[in-house]
Protein backbone atom coordinates (compact mmCIF):
# COMPACT_ATOMS: atom_id res chain seq x y z
CA UNK A 1 24.18 15.36 -13.88
CA UNK A 2 23.04 17.28 -10.55
CA UNK A 3 20.67 20.30 -10.90
CA UNK A 4 22.63 23.26 -8.94
CA UNK A 5 19.16 24.08 -7.38
CA UNK A 6 19.14 20.36 -6.05
CA UNK A 7 22.80 20.31 -4.60
CA UNK A 8 22.35 23.46 -2.98
CA UNK A 9 18.74 22.72 -1.50
CA UNK A 10 20.40 19.52 0.08
CA UNK A 11 23.37 20.98 1.65
CA UNK A 12 21.40 23.99 3.29
CA UNK A 13 18.69 21.25 4.83
CA UNK A 14 21.96 19.79 5.83
CA UNK A 15 23.55 22.33 7.42
CA UNK A 16 23.53 22.93 11.19
CA UNK A 17 25.77 25.39 12.49
CA UNK A 18 28.32 25.15 9.70
CA UNK A 19 29.82 28.80 8.24
CA UNK A 20 29.56 29.26 4.60
CA UNK A 21 31.85 30.95 2.27
CA UNK A 22 30.08 31.30 -0.87
CA UNK A 23 31.06 32.50 -4.71
CA UNK A 24 29.32 32.77 -8.30
CA UNK A 25 26.32 31.19 -9.46
CA UNK A 26 26.16 28.27 -6.75
CA UNK A 27 26.22 31.62 -4.10
CA UNK A 28 23.15 32.54 -6.18
CA UNK A 29 21.07 29.79 -5.52
CA UNK A 30 22.55 29.56 -2.18
CA UNK A 31 21.63 33.44 -0.93
CA UNK A 32 18.00 32.39 -1.81
CA UNK A 33 17.66 29.09 0.21
CA UNK A 34 19.61 29.88 3.62
CA UNK A 35 17.98 29.73 6.92
CA UNK A 36 21.50 31.70 8.38
CA UNK A 37 22.01 34.31 6.43
CA UNK A 38 24.44 35.49 9.55
CA UNK A 39 26.50 32.56 8.83
CA UNK A 40 27.07 32.93 5.53
CA UNK A 41 29.81 35.02 3.71
CA UNK A 42 29.29 35.63 -0.05
CA UNK A 43 32.17 36.79 -1.96
CA UNK A 44 30.89 39.43 -4.80
CA UNK A 45 33.55 40.47 -7.24
CA UNK A 46 36.33 38.60 -6.19
CA UNK A 47 35.85 35.24 -8.32
CA UNK A 48 38.33 32.67 -7.37
CA UNK A 49 39.50 34.48 -3.84
CA UNK A 50 36.15 31.96 -1.51
CA UNK A 51 38.58 29.45 -1.28
CA UNK A 52 40.94 31.69 0.16
CA UNK A 53 38.80 33.42 2.41
CA UNK A 54 37.19 30.09 3.98
CA UNK A 55 40.43 28.74 4.64
CA UNK A 56 41.46 31.96 6.56
CA UNK A 57 38.25 31.82 8.51
CA UNK A 58 39.04 27.68 9.20
CA UNK A 59 42.17 28.74 10.83
CA UNK A 60 40.26 31.55 12.94
CA UNK A 61 37.17 29.71 13.67
CA UNK A 62 38.68 26.21 14.53
CA UNK A 63 35.81 24.82 16.91
CA UNK A 64 33.38 25.63 13.78
CA UNK A 65 32.88 23.61 10.59
CA UNK A 66 33.48 26.13 7.66
CA UNK A 67 32.32 24.86 4.18
CA UNK A 68 33.25 26.52 0.49
CA UNK A 69 30.82 26.53 -2.08
CA UNK A 70 32.88 27.54 -4.78
CA UNK A 71 32.45 27.16 -8.60
CA UNK A 72 35.14 25.41 -11.24
CA UNK A 73 35.58 28.47 -13.03
CA UNK A 74 36.46 30.36 -9.40
CA UNK A 75 38.86 27.38 -8.32
CA UNK A 76 40.79 27.34 -11.73
CA UNK A 77 41.85 31.01 -11.63
CA UNK A 78 43.27 30.48 -7.57
CA UNK A 79 44.39 26.93 -8.25
CA UNK A 80 47.05 27.46 -5.76
CA UNK A 81 44.94 27.98 -2.92
CA UNK A 82 44.48 23.94 -3.22
CA UNK A 83 48.20 23.60 -2.02
CA UNK A 84 47.70 26.38 0.35
CA UNK A 85 44.67 24.73 1.86
CA UNK A 86 46.41 21.21 2.03
CA UNK A 87 49.32 22.51 3.55
CA UNK A 88 47.50 24.57 6.20
CA UNK A 89 45.40 21.10 6.85
CA UNK A 90 42.25 22.55 8.47
CA UNK A 91 40.51 19.81 10.17
CA UNK A 92 37.15 22.27 9.53
CA UNK A 93 37.31 22.64 6.31
CA UNK A 94 34.85 21.14 3.43
CA UNK A 95 35.52 22.27 0.07
CA UNK A 96 32.52 22.35 -2.49
CA UNK A 97 33.25 22.84 -6.04
CA UNK A 98 30.46 22.91 -8.51
CA UNK A 99 31.66 21.92 -11.68
CA UNK A 100 29.83 23.08 -15.24
CA UNK A 101 32.91 23.42 -17.06
CA UNK A 102 31.65 26.91 -17.75
CA UNK A 103 31.95 30.63 -16.59
CA UNK A 104 28.06 30.58 -15.96
CA UNK A 105 27.73 33.82 -14.33
CA UNK A 106 29.28 35.88 -17.26
CA UNK A 107 27.16 33.85 -20.30
CA UNK A 108 28.17 29.99 -19.69
CA UNK A 109 31.57 30.64 -21.89
CA UNK A 110 33.65 27.39 -21.43
CA UNK A 111 36.41 27.55 -18.99
CA UNK A 112 39.83 26.74 -19.97
CA UNK A 113 40.26 23.00 -20.40
CA UNK A 114 36.81 22.22 -20.25
CA UNK A 115 36.13 18.41 -20.49
CA UNK A 116 39.98 17.69 -19.90
CA UNK A 117 40.29 18.61 -16.04
CA UNK A 118 39.25 16.61 -13.15
CA UNK A 119 39.51 18.73 -9.73
CA UNK A 120 39.01 15.98 -7.39
CA UNK A 121 42.55 14.71 -8.82
CA UNK A 122 43.80 18.13 -8.50
CA UNK A 123 42.98 18.22 -4.84
CA UNK A 124 43.94 14.91 -4.31
CA UNK A 125 47.45 15.60 -6.05
CA UNK A 126 47.67 18.73 -3.84
CA UNK A 127 47.28 16.91 -0.58
CA UNK A 128 43.20 17.00 0.60
CA UNK A 129 43.35 13.74 2.40
CA UNK A 130 39.67 13.38 1.13
CA UNK A 131 38.27 14.21 -2.19
CA UNK A 132 34.99 12.88 -3.76
CA UNK A 133 33.18 13.18 -7.18
CA UNK A 134 29.56 12.84 -7.62
CA UNK A 135 27.29 13.20 -10.88
CA UNK A 136 24.21 11.87 -9.27
CA UNK A 137 21.75 13.49 -6.59
CA UNK A 138 21.11 10.19 -5.08
CA UNK A 139 24.81 9.02 -4.18
CA UNK A 140 25.78 12.63 -2.91
CA UNK A 141 22.33 12.46 -0.70
CA UNK A 142 23.58 8.90 0.76
CA UNK A 143 27.45 9.72 1.19
CA UNK A 144 27.38 13.67 2.14
CA UNK A 145 26.17 12.99 5.45
CA UNK A 146 29.30 10.85 6.63
CA UNK A 147 31.91 12.84 4.04
CA UNK A 148 31.37 16.11 6.04
CA UNK A 149 32.30 14.83 9.19
CA UNK A 150 35.52 13.55 8.09
CA UNK A 151 38.61 15.62 8.83
CA UNK A 152 39.61 17.90 6.49
CA UNK A 153 40.32 19.52 4.11
CA UNK A 154 38.02 17.41 2.26
CA UNK A 155 36.98 18.12 -1.25
CA UNK A 156 33.54 17.86 -2.75
CA UNK A 157 33.42 17.99 -6.77
CA UNK A 158 29.61 18.18 -8.01
CA UNK A 159 29.12 17.97 -11.72
CA UNK A 160 26.44 19.91 -11.90
CA UNK A 161 23.69 21.55 -14.48
CA UNK A 162 21.53 24.83 -14.10
CA UNK A 163 17.72 24.15 -14.78
CA UNK A 164 16.39 27.30 -16.67
CA UNK A 165 19.47 28.89 -16.79
CA UNK A 166 19.97 29.71 -13.05
CA UNK A 167 18.75 32.02 -10.86
CA UNK A 168 19.50 35.74 -11.72
CA UNK A 169 22.63 37.64 -11.57
CA UNK A 170 23.14 40.07 -8.34
CA UNK A 171 25.41 41.44 -6.47
CA UNK A 172 25.24 42.20 -2.58
CA UNK A 173 27.98 43.58 -0.42
CA UNK A 174 30.90 41.38 0.87
CA UNK A 175 31.38 44.21 3.20
CA UNK A 176 27.68 44.06 4.73
CA UNK A 177 27.84 40.40 5.09
CA UNK A 178 31.46 40.03 6.87
CA UNK A 179 29.95 42.43 9.12
CA UNK A 180 26.92 40.22 9.72
CA UNK A 181 28.60 37.09 10.01
CA UNK A 182 31.22 39.27 12.71
CA UNK A 183 28.13 40.55 14.52
CA UNK A 184 26.67 36.50 14.53
CA UNK A 185 30.39 35.27 15.65
CA UNK A 186 30.99 38.13 18.51
CA UNK A 187 34.03 39.29 17.14
CA UNK A 188 33.38 43.05 16.41
């Protein structure tokens, strides 16, 4: 398994000008490590909606790459988004799913189907042209630079764990983040 912190740290280091929509526990690390907060759109209080918001952003910002940093529990709450995303076929969309088979934010309760589902296969079945699964950090680091250049939608599932139980939970304001991103994109 991959440490959530290590995965996010690598994504932040690899990121150039991508717009990032994040949610739940992976976003708690992202918020601490990101060096471009005006290119980040954290989704607070909307579990299951990050991929839909990221799709809208990818469709409106077609010249920019959009990354969705999602959690498995969030995606499982809105599986229909996979079919919608593949149907819209945004070539600039990369969907990262941090899969620990638990609702980490609310106390690590198992998600429905823990140990039985395969999000990579679900994405492929929904029509994502590219889908990958990683449980080794070095493989992830080696392959990701080429993967993020592919035409999307692309799914990257990471089997992860949280060192020391993860960062403390805090909730910011999605509205403030939207305003900050609008200013950065000049869409105000």
